Amino acid sequence: MTYAFEVVGQLNSGVNEVLVKARGRAISRAVDVAEVVRRHRLLEGTVAISSVGIGTERLTNREGKDLNVSFIQITLTRRPPDGGPAPASSPPRAEGTGSRPPSPP
């Protein structure tokens, strides 16, 4: 799972919080990524799912038709091995996606 390795890499680089996002059929992939990372042997006991958000976005397809697309956002937080809270001076959150690269602004 490439996405899981990317999230583990972010957490190992010093980022204490990673946001995994997905839309539509990729939602199950985002859930799998979160669970694989949470149970990863190198991170065992130090990563928790701190929040999960779900919803529906209204998008317009190429033909101009409006579509409702479900989404999920899963926030993974790294704690110190002793189980305490993440340090107050945490590096900024990294974002990853289970469906496609982020849209340009």
Protein backbone atom coordinates (compact mmCIF):
# COMPACT_ATOMS: atom_id res chain seq x y z
CA MET A 1 0.00 0.00 0.00
CA THR A 2 1.78 3.06 -1.27
CA TYR A 3 -0.51 5.46 0.59
CA ALA A 4 0.17 3.73 3.91
CA PHE A 5 3.93 3.94 3.35
CA GLU A 6 3.60 7.65 2.59
CA VAL A 7 1.68 8.26 5.82
CA VAL A 8 4.20 6.23 7.84
CA GLY A 9 6.99 8.24 6.20
CA GLN A 10 5.29 11.51 7.19
CA LEU A 11 4.87 10.35 10.78
CA ASN A 12 8.48 9.15 10.95
CA SER A 13 9.72 12.50 9.58
CA GLY A 14 8.45 14.31 12.67
CA VAL A 15 4.92 15.27 11.64
CA ASN A 16 2.56 14.48 14.53
CA GLU A 17 -0.73 14.66 12.62
CA VAL A 18 -1.71 13.41 9.16
CA LEU A 19 -5.06 13.93 7.44
CA VAL A 20 -6.12 11.14 5.06
CA LYS A 21 -8.90 12.15 2.65
CA ALA A 22 -10.87 10.20 0.07
CA ARG A 23 -14.00 10.51 -2.07
CA GLY A 24 -16.41 8.01 -3.54
CA ARG A 25 -15.15 4.50 -4.16
CA ALA A 26 -11.76 5.33 -2.61
CA ILE A 27 -13.28 5.73 0.88
CA SER A 28 -12.59 2.09 1.75
CA ARG A 29 -8.95 2.60 0.71
CA ALA A 30 -8.61 5.55 3.13
CA VAL A 31 -10.04 3.43 5.96
CA ASP A 32 -7.60 0.63 5.10
CA VAL A 33 -4.68 3.09 5.07
CA ALA A 34 -5.65 4.46 8.49
CA GLU A 35 -5.91 0.97 9.98
CA VAL A 36 -2.63 -0.26 8.43
CA VAL A 37 -0.79 2.80 9.77
CA ARG A 38 -2.41 2.54 13.21
CA ARG A 39 -1.33 -1.11 13.48
CA HIS A 40 2.11 -0.70 11.84
CA ARG A 41 4.77 -2.53 13.85
CA LEU A 42 7.18 0.44 13.89
CA LEU A 43 4.46 2.78 15.14
CA GLU A 44 2.59 0.32 17.36
CA GLY A 45 0.83 2.05 20.22
CA THR A 46 1.88 5.55 19.12
CA VAL A 47 -0.68 6.34 16.40
CA ALA A 48 -4.36 6.91 17.07
CA ILE A 49 -7.31 7.96 14.98
CA SER A 50 -8.13 11.30 16.56
CA SER A 51 -11.08 12.26 14.36
CA VAL A 52 -13.20 11.03 11.47
CA GLY A 53 -15.35 13.29 9.34
CA ILE A 54 -17.82 12.23 6.68
CA GLY A 55 -20.04 14.15 4.34
CA THR A 56 -21.22 14.77 0.82
CA GLU A 57 -19.81 17.20 -1.73
CA ARG A 58 -21.76 18.45 -4.72
CA LEU A 59 -19.55 18.28 -7.82
CA THR A 60 -20.12 18.96 -11.50
CA ASN A 61 -18.93 16.30 -13.95
CA ARG A 62 -17.47 16.90 -17.43
CA GLU A 63 -20.92 16.93 -19.00
CA GLY A 64 -22.05 19.67 -16.62
CA LYS A 65 -24.24 17.36 -14.54
CA ASP A 66 -24.35 17.86 -10.74
CA LEU A 67 -23.34 14.83 -8.67
CA ASN A 68 -23.33 14.09 -4.95
CA VAL A 69 -20.05 12.46 -3.90
CA SER A 70 -19.42 11.13 -0.40
CA PHE A 71 -16.11 11.86 1.32
CA ILE A 72 -14.19 10.88 4.44
CA GLN A 73 -11.43 12.66 6.35
CA ILE A 74 -9.45 10.63 8.91
CA THR A 75 -6.98 12.38 11.20
CA LEU A 76 -4.14 10.21 12.50
CA THR A 77 -2.19 11.58 15.47
CA ARG A 78 1.16 10.35 16.71
CA ARG A 79 1.66 10.24 20.47
CA PRO A 80 4.87 9.66 22.39
CA PRO A 81 5.52 5.95 23.14
CA ASP A 82 4.45 6.50 26.78
CA GLY A 83 0.91 7.23 25.55
CA GLY A 84 0.87 10.89 26.56
CA PRO A 85 -0.47 13.69 24.38
CA ALA A 86 1.44 14.89 21.32
CA PRO A 87 3.90 17.71 22.05
CA ALA A 88 2.38 21.22 22.03
CA SER A 89 4.90 22.38 19.43
CA SER A 90 3.85 19.78 16.86
CA PRO A 91 5.00 20.31 13.29
CA PRO A 92 2.18 21.22 10.90
CA ARG A 93 -0.26 18.60 9.75
CA ALA A 94 0.43 16.73 6.53
CA GLU A 95 -2.39 15.82 4.17
CA GLY A 96 -2.72 12.70 2.09
CA THR A 97 -5.47 11.42 -0.13
CA GLY A 98 -6.81 8.02 -0.98
CA SER A 99 -8.32 9.02 -4.30
CA ARG A 100 -6.43 11.66 -6.24
CA PRO A 101 -3.91 14.47 -5.74
CA PRO A 102 -5.21 17.65 -4.12
CA SER A 103 -6.87 20.08 -6.51
CA PRO A 104 -4.89 23.21 -7.36
CA PRO A 105 -6.13 26.40 -5.65
